[in-house]
C-alpha atoms as a PDB file:
ATOM      1  CA  UNK A   1     106.935 101.504 101.131  1.00  0.00           C
ATOM      2  CA  UNK A   2     109.961  99.991 102.923  1.00  0.00           C
ATOM      3  CA  UNK A   3     111.086 101.011 105.728  1.00  0.00           C
ATOM      4  CA  UNK A   4     114.525 102.178 105.889  1.00  0.00           C
ATOM      5  CA  UNK A   5     116.585 103.028 109.011  1.00  0.00           C
ATOM      6  CA  UNK A   6     116.897 106.819 109.748  1.00  0.00           C
ATOM      7  CA  UNK A   7     121.039 107.192 110.729  1.00  0.00           C
ATOM      8  CA  UNK A   8     120.699 111.131 110.313  1.00  0.00           C
ATOM      9  CA  UNK A   9     118.203 113.541 110.807  1.00  0.00           C
ATOM     10  CA  UNK A  10     114.607 113.532 112.737  1.00  0.00           C
ATOM     11  CA  UNK A  11     113.614 110.683 114.994  1.00  0.00           C
ATOM     12  CA  UNK A  12     110.132 110.523 115.006  1.00  0.00           C
ATOM     13  CA  UNK A  13     107.386 111.608 112.340  1.00  0.00           C
ATOM     14  CA  UNK A  14     104.117 112.193 113.371  1.00  0.00           C
ATOM     15  CA  UNK A  15     101.395 111.846 110.233  1.00  0.00           C
ATOM     16  CA  UNK A  16      97.973 113.983 110.366  1.00  0.00           C
ATOM     17  CA  UNK A  17      95.466 112.465 107.883  1.00  0.00           C
ATOM     18  CA  UNK A  18      95.872 114.235 104.761  1.00  0.00           C
ATOM     19  CA  UNK A  19      99.503 113.242 103.997  1.00  0.00           C
ATOM     20  CA  UNK A  20      98.501 109.277 104.775  1.00  0.00           C
ATOM     21  CA  UNK A  21      95.001 109.134 102.920  1.00  0.00           C
ATOM     22  CA  UNK A  22      97.575 110.659 100.188  1.00  0.00           C
ATOM     23  CA  UNK A  23      99.532 107.545 100.566  1.00  0.00           C
ATOM     24  CA  UNK A  24      96.410 105.402 100.687  1.00  0.00           C
ATOM     25  CA  UNK A  25      94.730 106.786  97.596  1.00  0.00           C
ATOM     26  CA  UNK A  26      97.775 106.245  95.318  1.00  0.00           C
ATOM     27  CA  UNK A  27      98.440 103.311  96.141  1.00  0.00           C
ATOM     28  CA  UNK A  28      94.884 102.293  95.267  1.00  0.00           C
ATOM     29  CA  UNK A  29      94.741 104.155  92.268  1.00  0.00           C
ATOM     30  CA  UNK A  30      98.498 102.923  91.155  1.00  0.00           C
ATOM     31  CA  UNK A  31      98.142  99.316  92.234  1.00  0.00           C
ATOM     32  CA  UNK A  32      94.607  98.174  92.684  1.00  0.00           C
ATOM     33  CA  UNK A  33      94.088 100.552  89.730  1.00  0.00           C
ATOM     34  CA  UNK A  34      90.965 102.206  91.705  1.00  0.00           C
ATOM     35  CA  UNK A  35      90.838 104.714  88.901  1.00  0.00           C
ATOM     36  CA  UNK A  36      87.801 106.660  90.014  1.00  0.00           C
ATOM     37  CA  UNK A  37      89.576 107.694  93.152  1.00  0.00           C
ATOM     38  CA  UNK A  38      92.679 109.443  91.010  1.00  0.00           C
ATOM     39  CA  UNK A  39      90.324 112.859  90.707  1.00  0.00           C
ATOM     40  CA  UNK A  40      91.190 112.578  94.803  1.00  0.00           C
ATOM     41  CA  UNK A  41      94.670 112.930  94.554  1.00  0.00           C
ATOM     42  CA  UNK A  42      95.768 116.495  95.724  1.00  0.00           C
ATOM     43  CA  UNK A  43      99.496 116.179  95.518  1.00  0.00           C
ATOM     44  CA  UNK A  44     100.959 112.883  94.661  1.00  0.00           C
ATOM     45  CA  UNK A  45     100.363 113.212  91.232  1.00  0.00           C
ATOM     46  CA  UNK A  46     103.333 111.177  89.608  1.00  0.00           C
ATOM     47  CA  UNK A  47     105.849 109.058  90.707  1.00  0.00           C
ATOM     48  CA  UNK A  48     108.347 111.604  90.922  1.00  0.00           C
ATOM     49  CA  UNK A  49     106.389 112.916  94.563  1.00  0.00           C
ATOM     50  CA  UNK A  50     105.120 109.991  95.363  1.00  0.00           C
ATOM     51  CA  UNK A  51     108.972 108.889  95.463  1.00  0.00           C
ATOM     52  CA  UNK A  52     109.929 112.239  97.902  1.00  0.00           C
ATOM     53  CA  UNK A  53     107.179 111.594 100.071  1.00  0.00           C
ATOM     54  CA  UNK A  54     108.705 108.040 100.664  1.00  0.00           C
ATOM     55  CA  UNK A  55     112.092 109.106 100.497  1.00  0.00           C
ATOM     56  CA  UNK A  56     111.455 111.708 103.304  1.00  0.00           C
ATOM     57  CA  UNK A  57     109.652 109.272 105.229  1.00  0.00           C
ATOM     58  CA  UNK A  58     112.267 106.610 105.126  1.00  0.00           C
ATOM     59  CA  UNK A  59     114.773 109.476 106.544  1.00  0.00           C
ATOM     60  CA  UNK A  60     112.801 108.985 110.273  1.00  0.00           C
ATOM     61  CA  UNK A  61     113.392 106.502 112.586  1.00  0.00           C
ATOM     62  CA  UNK A  62     109.931 106.551 113.892  1.00  0.00           C
ATOM     63  CA  UNK A  63     106.389 107.018 112.372  1.00  0.00           C
ATOM     64  CA  UNK A  64     103.483 107.833 114.676  1.00  0.00           C
ATOM     65  CA  UNK A  65     100.278 109.132 114.287  1.00  0.00           C
ATOM     66  CA  UNK A  66      96.905 109.501 116.607  1.00  0.00           C
ATOM     67  CA  UNK A  67      93.942 106.885 116.525  1.00  0.00           C
ATOM     68  CA  UNK A  68      91.926 109.829 116.105  1.00  0.00           C
ATOM     69  CA  UNK A  69      93.733 110.189 112.162  1.00  0.00           C
ATOM     70  CA  UNK A  70      93.194 106.823 112.031  1.00  0.00           C
ATOM     71  CA  UNK A  71      89.403 107.268 112.589  1.00  0.00           C
ATOM     72  CA  UNK A  72      89.214 109.927 109.833  1.00  0.00           C
ATOM     73  CA  UNK A  73      91.050 107.450 107.522  1.00  0.00           C
ATOM     74  CA  UNK A  74      88.239 105.313 108.673  1.00  0.00           C
ATOM     75  CA  UNK A  75      85.629 108.021 107.862  1.00  0.00           C
ATOM     76  CA  UNK A  76      86.880 108.160 103.770  1.00  0.00           C
ATOM     77  CA  UNK A  77      87.446 104.501 103.450  1.00  0.00           C
ATOM     78  CA  UNK A  78      83.622 104.110 104.033  1.00  0.00           C
ATOM     79  CA  UNK A  79      82.456 106.809 102.402  1.00  0.00           C
ATOM     80  CA  UNK A  80      84.676 106.646  99.084  1.00  0.00           C
ATOM     81  CA  UNK A  81      84.915 102.882  98.221  1.00  0.00           C
ATOM     82  CA  UNK A  82      82.194 101.039  99.333  1.00  0.00           C
ATOM     83  CA  UNK A  83      82.959  98.050  97.033  1.00  0.00           C
ATOM     84  CA  UNK A  84      86.959  98.073  97.583  1.00  0.00           C
ATOM     85  CA  UNK A  85      86.823  98.656 101.258  1.00  0.00           C
ATOM     86  CA  UNK A  86      88.414  95.307 101.936  1.00  0.00           C
ATOM     87  CA  UNK A  87      91.589  95.852  99.444  1.00  0.00           C
ATOM     88  CA  UNK A  88      91.954  99.606 100.814  1.00  0.00           C
ATOM     89  CA  UNK A  89      91.804  98.357 104.638  1.00  0.00           C
ATOM     90  CA  UNK A  90      94.921  96.083 103.143  1.00  0.00           C
ATOM     91  CA  UNK A  91      96.478  98.688 102.344  1.00  0.00           C
ATOM     92  CA  UNK A  92      96.570 100.803 105.048  1.00  0.00           C
ATOM     93  CA  UNK A  93      97.726  97.551 107.080  1.00  0.00           C
ATOM     94  CA  UNK A  94     100.722  97.205 104.250  1.00  0.00           C
ATOM     95  CA  UNK A  95     101.379 100.947 104.606  1.00  0.00           C
ATOM     96  CA  UNK A  96     101.424 100.887 108.237  1.00  0.00           C
ATOM     97  CA  UNK A  97     103.366  97.416 108.439  1.00  0.00           C
ATOM     98  CA  UNK A  98     105.942  98.655 106.294  1.00  0.00           C
ATOM     99  CA  UNK A  99     106.615 101.799 107.833  1.00  0.00           C
ATOM    100  CA  UNK A 100     106.313 100.437 111.376  1.00  0.00           C
ATOM    101  CA  UNK A 101     103.874 103.018 112.557  1.00  0.00           C
ATOM    102  CA  UNK A 102     102.758 103.634 115.983  1.00  0.00           C
ATOM    103  CA  UNK A 103      99.794 105.188 117.015  1.00  0.00           C
ATOM    104  CA  UNK A 104     100.097 107.622 120.309  1.00  0.00           C
ATOM    105  CA  UNK A 105      96.404 107.788 122.476  1.00  0.00           C
ATOM    106  CA  UNK A 106      96.107 111.275 122.902  1.00  0.00           C
ATOM    107  CA  UNK A 107      92.767 110.896 125.731  1.00  0.00           C
ATOM    108  CA  UNK A 108      90.074 114.091 124.885  1.00  0.00           C
ATOM    109  CA  UNK A 109      89.900 114.890 128.602  1.00  0.00           C
ATOM    110  CA  UNK A 110      94.081 115.283 128.876  1.00  0.00           C
ATOM    111  CA  UNK A 111      93.933 117.730 125.924  1.00  0.00           C
ATOM    112  CA  UNK A 112      93.702 121.101 126.304  1.00  0.00           C
ATOM    113  CA  UNK A 113      89.608 122.022 126.337  1.00  0.00           C
ATOM    114  CA  UNK A 114      90.586 125.800 124.259  1.00  0.00           C
ATOM    115  CA  UNK A 115      92.890 123.721 121.905  1.00  0.00           C
ATOM    116  CA  UNK A 116      90.262 121.052 121.029  1.00  0.00           C
ATOM    117  CA  UNK A 117      87.651 123.801 120.494  1.00  0.00           C
ATOM    118  CA  UNK A 118      90.002 125.736 118.099  1.00  0.00           C
ATOM    119  CA  UNK A 119      90.889 123.053 115.820  1.00  0.00           C
ATOM    120  CA  UNK A 120      89.368 119.787 116.644  1.00  0.00           C
ATOM    121  CA  UNK A 121      89.768 117.164 118.607  1.00  0.00           C
ATOM    122  CA  UNK A 122      91.726 115.500 115.662  1.00  0.00           C
ATOM    123  CA  UNK A 123      94.141 118.247 114.800  1.00  0.00           C
ATOM    124  CA  UNK A 124      94.677 118.421 118.672  1.00  0.00           C
ATOM    125  CA  UNK A 125      95.603 114.627 119.074  1.00  0.00           C
ATOM    126  CA  UNK A 126      98.371 115.473 116.610  1.00  0.00           C
ATOM    127  CA  UNK A 127      99.976 118.535 118.374  1.00  0.00           C
ATOM    128  CA  UNK A 128      99.617 117.214 122.086  1.00  0.00           C
ATOM    129  CA  UNK A 129     101.208 113.748 120.800  1.00  0.00           C
ATOM    130  CA  UNK A 130     104.446 116.293 119.172  1.00  0.00           C
ATOM    131  CA  UNK A 131     104.497 118.591 122.549  1.00  0.00           C
ATOM    132  CA  UNK A 132     104.327 114.943 124.723  1.00  0.00           C
ATOM    133  CA  UNK A 133     106.404 112.825 122.126  1.00  0.00           C
ATOM    134  CA  UNK A 134     109.304 112.115 123.932  1.00  0.00           C
ATOM    135  CA  UNK A 135     111.511 112.289 120.956  1.00  0.00           C
ATOM    136  CA  UNK A 136     113.563 114.965 120.450  1.00  0.00           C
ATOM    137  CA  UNK A 137     112.685 117.288 117.918  1.00  0.00           C
ATOM    138  CA  UNK A 138     109.478 115.602 116.413  1.00  0.00           C
ATOM    139  CA  UNK A 139     108.134 117.177 112.820  1.00  0.00           C
ATOM    140  CA  UNK A 140     104.349 116.833 112.224  1.00  0.00           C
ATOM    141  CA  UNK A 141     103.692 116.326 108.542  1.00  0.00           C
ATOM    142  CA  UNK A 142     100.218 117.646 107.051  1.00  0.00           C
ATOM    143  CA  UNK A 143      97.894 119.543 104.541  1.00  0.00           C
ATOM    144  CA  UNK A 144      96.281 121.579 106.566  1.00  0.00           C
ATOM    145  CA  UNK A 145      97.608 124.620 106.988  1.00  0.00           C
ATOM    146  CA  UNK A 146      95.657 125.706 110.628  1.00  0.00           C
ATOM    147  CA  UNK A 147      97.499 122.646 112.231  1.00  0.00           C
ATOM    148  CA  UNK A 148     100.722 123.528 111.214  1.00  0.00           C
ATOM    149  CA  UNK A 149     100.507 126.900 111.932  1.00  0.00           C
ATOM    150  CA  UNK A 150      99.190 125.281 115.879  1.00  0.00           C
ATOM    151  CA  UNK A 151     102.079 123.075 115.687  1.00  0.00           C
ATOM    152  CA  UNK A 152     104.627 125.638 114.950  1.00  0.00           C
ATOM    153  CA  UNK A 153     102.897 128.379 117.586  1.00  0.00           C
ATOM    154  CA  UNK A 154     103.489 124.715 119.787  1.00  0.00           C
ATOM    155  CA  UNK A 155     107.044 125.113 119.224  1.00  0.00           C
ATOM    156  CA  UNK A 156     107.006 121.786 116.816  1.00  0.00           C
ATOM    157  CA  UNK A 157     108.522 121.321 113.422  1.00  0.00           C
ATOM    158  CA  UNK A 158     105.806 120.709 110.840  1.00  0.00           C
ATOM    159  CA  UNK A 159     105.887 120.594 106.940  1.00  0.00           C
ATOM    160  CA  UNK A 160     102.979 120.739 104.198  1.00  0.00           C
ATOM    161  CA  UNK A 161     103.354 118.024 102.183  1.00  0.00           C
ATOM    162  CA  UNK A 162     103.805 120.004  99.098  1.00  0.00           C
ATOM    163  CA  UNK A 163     106.711 120.983 100.576  1.00  0.00           C
ATOM    164  CA  UNK A 164     108.071 117.728 101.421  1.00  0.00           C
ATOM    165  CA  UNK A 165     107.390 116.891  97.464  1.00  0.00           C
ATOM    166  CA  UNK A 166     109.242 120.245  96.230  1.00  0.00           C
ATOM    167  CA  UNK A 167     111.862 119.676  98.737  1.00  0.00           C
ATOM    168  CA  UNK A 168     112.579 116.352  97.037  1.00  0.00           C
ATOM    169  CA  UNK A 169     112.040 117.695  93.046  1.00  0.00           C
ATOM    170  CA  UNK A 170     114.577 120.479  92.324  1.00  0.00           C
END
């Protein structure tokens, strides 16, 4: 996915696992021809939905996630693609590189225990990254309604992947 500098709009996009995994799956199916993974795609069902997401991502100057999210992606790769792991990891590296992806570390002991207890360490790391990001008005993208709710409760803008796709497909 080519990186296009954002001129207008929000400055930072924070990724949860779901949208990143959809990008990896889409690329694995369409570029590597891993047809066995096609059934795993939940939102990026066609080129139009992929282009909507790509356009949305390109509208942000900064893209970031947490190492917790990367660890979830790793777990999915290990469970779902045993023989294609090197190729899938190449896709992940290519996607992260093309987007200029950054990772913001959120240490467990620095996250509120009640937040971790209510949503888990991965989602808590995404919320905490948004709250403590340093850029005005970061936007979180997820497929997890619970995380989206927690983000909004914390004063963060949050979008579900289907919203992004629907907005890009009139």
